[in-house]
N, C-alpha and C. Protein backbone atom coordinates (compact mmCIF):
# COMPACT_ATOMS: atom_id res chain seq x y z
N MET A 1 27.23 1.58 7.03
CA MET A 1 25.76 1.34 7.40
C MET A 1 24.92 2.44 7.09
N PRO A 2 23.87 2.21 6.40
CA PRO A 2 22.91 3.23 5.88
C PRO A 2 22.27 4.01 7.21
N ASP A 3 22.02 5.27 6.91
CA ASP A 3 21.51 6.09 7.96
C ASP A 3 20.06 5.60 8.26
N GLN A 4 19.67 5.29 9.43
CA GLN A 4 18.42 4.78 9.78
C GLN A 4 17.21 5.75 9.53
N ARG A 5 17.47 7.05 9.43
CA ARG A 5 16.49 7.94 9.25
C ARG A 5 16.02 7.96 7.75
N ASP A 6 16.96 7.30 6.93
CA ASP A 6 16.48 7.24 5.54
C ASP A 6 15.92 5.90 5.22
N SER A 7 15.91 4.97 6.15
CA SER A 7 15.47 3.57 5.82
C SER A 7 13.94 3.51 5.94
N GLY A 8 13.19 4.41 6.71
CA GLY A 8 11.88 4.32 6.94
C GLY A 8 11.46 3.52 8.17
N TRP A 9 12.49 2.83 8.77
CA TRP A 9 12.32 2.01 9.92
C TRP A 9 13.28 2.72 10.92
N ASP A 10 12.98 3.85 11.39
CA ASP A 10 13.90 4.66 12.20
C ASP A 10 14.37 4.06 13.33
N GLU A 11 13.59 3.29 14.10
CA GLU A 11 13.96 2.66 15.40
C GLU A 11 14.07 1.11 15.19
N GLY A 12 13.90 0.65 13.95
CA GLY A 12 14.15 -0.78 13.74
C GLY A 12 12.86 -1.59 14.16
N ALA A 13 11.84 -1.07 14.46
CA ALA A 13 10.63 -1.78 14.90
C ALA A 13 9.43 -1.03 14.48
N TRP A 14 8.29 -1.67 14.38
CA TRP A 14 7.10 -1.06 13.98
C TRP A 14 6.68 0.20 14.81
N PRO A 15 6.75 0.19 16.11
CA PRO A 15 6.48 1.33 16.87
C PRO A 15 7.26 2.61 16.56
N GLY A 16 8.60 2.33 16.37
CA GLY A 16 9.44 3.43 15.95
C GLY A 16 9.12 3.86 14.56
N HIS A 17 8.88 2.99 13.58
CA HIS A 17 8.48 3.46 12.34
C HIS A 17 7.19 4.26 12.38
N GLU A 18 6.21 3.73 13.15
CA GLU A 18 4.86 4.50 13.18
C GLU A 18 5.10 5.88 13.73
N ARG A 19 5.91 6.02 14.69
CA ARG A 19 6.06 7.34 15.27
C ARG A 19 6.84 8.32 14.25
N ALA A 20 7.82 7.78 13.57
CA ALA A 20 8.58 8.53 12.62
C ALA A 20 7.59 8.91 11.44
N GLN A 21 6.85 7.95 10.98
CA GLN A 21 5.83 8.30 9.84
C GLN A 21 4.84 9.36 10.24
N ARG A 22 4.36 9.31 11.51
CA ARG A 22 3.47 10.29 11.98
C ARG A 22 4.15 11.68 12.01
N LEU A 23 5.42 11.79 12.42
CA LEU A 23 6.18 12.95 12.40
C LEU A 23 6.31 13.46 10.98
N ARG A 24 6.76 12.63 10.14
CA ARG A 24 6.87 13.02 8.63
C ARG A 24 5.57 13.59 8.14
N LEU A 25 4.49 12.81 8.38
CA LEU A 25 3.25 13.27 7.84
C LEU A 25 2.74 14.62 8.47
N SER A 26 3.08 14.79 9.74
CA SER A 26 2.70 16.01 10.37
C SER A 26 3.34 17.26 9.78
N GLN A 27 4.48 17.03 9.26
CA GLN A 27 5.28 18.18 8.62
C GLN A 27 4.89 18.50 7.15
N LEU A 28 3.96 17.77 6.53
CA LEU A 28 3.54 18.02 5.16
C LEU A 28 2.49 19.16 5.28
N SER A 29 2.50 19.93 4.14
CA SER A 29 1.37 21.00 3.95
C SER A 29 0.05 20.28 3.63
N LEU A 30 -0.94 21.06 3.69
CA LEU A 30 -2.32 20.49 3.35
C LEU A 30 -2.38 20.04 1.97
N ALA A 31 -1.71 20.82 1.00
CA ALA A 31 -1.66 20.33 -0.43
C ALA A 31 -0.94 19.01 -0.60
N GLU A 32 0.13 18.82 0.15
CA GLU A 32 0.94 17.64 0.11
C GLU A 32 0.19 16.46 0.67
N LYS A 33 -0.59 16.69 1.66
CA LYS A 33 -1.32 15.62 2.28
C LYS A 33 -2.51 15.19 1.39
N VAL A 34 -3.08 16.14 0.78
CA VAL A 34 -4.20 15.86 -0.22
C VAL A 34 -3.58 15.02 -1.39
N ARG A 35 -2.46 15.47 -1.90
CA ARG A 35 -1.74 14.69 -2.91
C ARG A 35 -1.33 13.30 -2.53
N TRP A 36 -0.87 13.18 -1.31
CA TRP A 36 -0.61 11.86 -0.79
C TRP A 36 -1.81 10.93 -0.74
N LEU A 37 -2.88 11.51 -0.22
CA LEU A 37 -4.25 10.79 -0.06
C LEU A 37 -4.65 10.29 -1.40
N GLU A 38 -4.58 11.29 -2.46
CA GLU A 38 -4.99 10.89 -3.80
C GLU A 38 -4.19 9.70 -4.36
N GLU A 39 -2.95 9.85 -4.17
CA GLU A 39 -2.04 8.72 -4.70
C GLU A 39 -2.30 7.40 -3.92
N ALA A 40 -2.64 7.45 -2.63
CA ALA A 40 -2.93 6.30 -1.87
C ALA A 40 -4.28 5.75 -2.42
N HIS A 41 -5.17 6.55 -2.71
CA HIS A 41 -6.42 6.10 -3.15
C HIS A 41 -6.35 5.41 -4.59
N GLN A 42 -5.46 6.00 -5.42
CA GLN A 42 -5.21 5.44 -6.75
C GLN A 42 -4.57 4.02 -6.60
N LEU A 43 -3.67 3.92 -5.56
CA LEU A 43 -3.01 2.55 -5.30
C LEU A 43 -4.18 1.63 -4.85
N VAL A 44 -4.95 2.00 -4.01
CA VAL A 44 -5.98 1.10 -3.47
C VAL A 44 -6.91 0.63 -4.59
N GLN A 45 -7.35 1.63 -5.47
CA GLN A 45 -8.05 1.17 -6.63
C GLN A 45 -7.46 0.20 -7.50
N ALA A 46 -6.13 0.39 -7.80
CA ALA A 46 -5.32 -0.54 -8.59
C ALA A 46 -5.29 -1.86 -7.91
N LEU A 47 -5.09 -2.08 -6.67
CA LEU A 47 -5.02 -3.23 -5.94
C LEU A 47 -6.43 -3.96 -5.99
N GLU A 48 -7.51 -3.18 -5.83
CA GLU A 48 -8.78 -3.72 -5.91
C GLU A 48 -9.05 -4.31 -7.34
N ARG A 49 -8.69 -3.59 -8.35
CA ARG A 49 -8.93 -4.04 -9.76
C ARG A 49 -8.10 -5.33 -9.89
N GLY A 50 -6.94 -5.42 -9.38
CA GLY A 50 -6.15 -6.60 -9.60
C GLY A 50 -6.75 -7.80 -8.87
N ARG A 51 -7.23 -7.51 -7.73
CA ARG A 51 -7.99 -8.62 -6.91
C ARG A 51 -9.25 -9.08 -7.63
N SER A 52 -10.01 -8.25 -8.21
CA SER A 52 -11.22 -8.48 -8.89
C SER A 52 -10.82 -9.20 -10.14
N GLU A 53 -9.82 -8.78 -10.88
CA GLU A 53 -9.50 -9.55 -12.14
C GLU A 53 -8.90 -10.99 -11.76
N ALA A 54 -8.15 -11.12 -10.68
CA ALA A 54 -7.67 -12.40 -10.27
C ALA A 54 -8.83 -13.34 -9.91
N ALA A 55 -9.80 -12.85 -9.14
CA ALA A 55 -10.91 -13.57 -8.81
C ALA A 55 -11.66 -14.06 -10.14
N ALA A 56 -11.79 -13.08 -10.94
CA ALA A 56 -12.58 -13.39 -12.17
C ALA A 56 -11.95 -14.54 -12.94
N ARG A 57 -10.51 -14.55 -13.12
CA ARG A 57 -9.76 -15.46 -13.80
C ARG A 57 -9.92 -16.75 -13.03
N ALA A 58 -9.88 -16.83 -11.80
CA ALA A 58 -9.94 -18.11 -10.97
C ALA A 58 -11.32 -18.69 -11.13
N SER A 59 -12.28 -17.84 -11.13
CA SER A 59 -13.72 -18.35 -11.33
C SER A 59 -13.87 -18.91 -12.75
N SER A 60 -13.28 -18.23 -13.77
CA SER A 60 -13.37 -18.60 -15.18
C SER A 60 -12.56 -20.02 -15.38
N ALA A 61 -11.44 -20.07 -14.66
CA ALA A 61 -10.69 -21.34 -14.75
C ALA A 61 -11.49 -22.55 -14.16
N ALA A 62 -12.09 -22.24 -12.99
CA ALA A 62 -12.89 -23.22 -12.33
C ALA A 62 -14.06 -23.72 -13.21
N ASP A 63 -14.67 -22.72 -13.86
CA ASP A 63 -15.82 -23.05 -14.71
C ASP A 63 -15.39 -23.90 -15.93
N ASN A 64 -14.13 -23.78 -16.36
CA ASN A 64 -13.62 -24.42 -17.58
C ASN A 64 -12.95 -25.76 -17.21
N THR A 65 -12.90 -26.19 -15.89
CA THR A 65 -12.30 -27.37 -15.57
C THR A 65 -13.36 -28.50 -15.71
N PRO A 66 -12.90 -29.51 -16.55
CA PRO A 66 -13.86 -30.73 -16.83
C PRO A 66 -14.07 -31.42 -15.45
N ASP A 67 -15.27 -31.93 -15.34
CA ASP A 67 -15.61 -32.71 -14.14
C ASP A 67 -14.98 -34.08 -14.30
N GLN A 68 -14.54 -34.53 -13.11
CA GLN A 68 -13.95 -35.90 -13.21
C GLN A 68 -14.80 -37.02 -12.74
């Protein structure tokens, strides 16, 4: 059985995971926290681009659908 400390879900439930994540984050240096925030921001931007592109494709497809 894998070690739960490596799983990211240390106590098998959201509250346990949240506490473990806060503990891990509290042990990061300022430089590591900044790097983590920059990477998280890049991820959010990529997700937003994907959402915008999907919405544009859906809108374009709806515009190209012949009326019945």
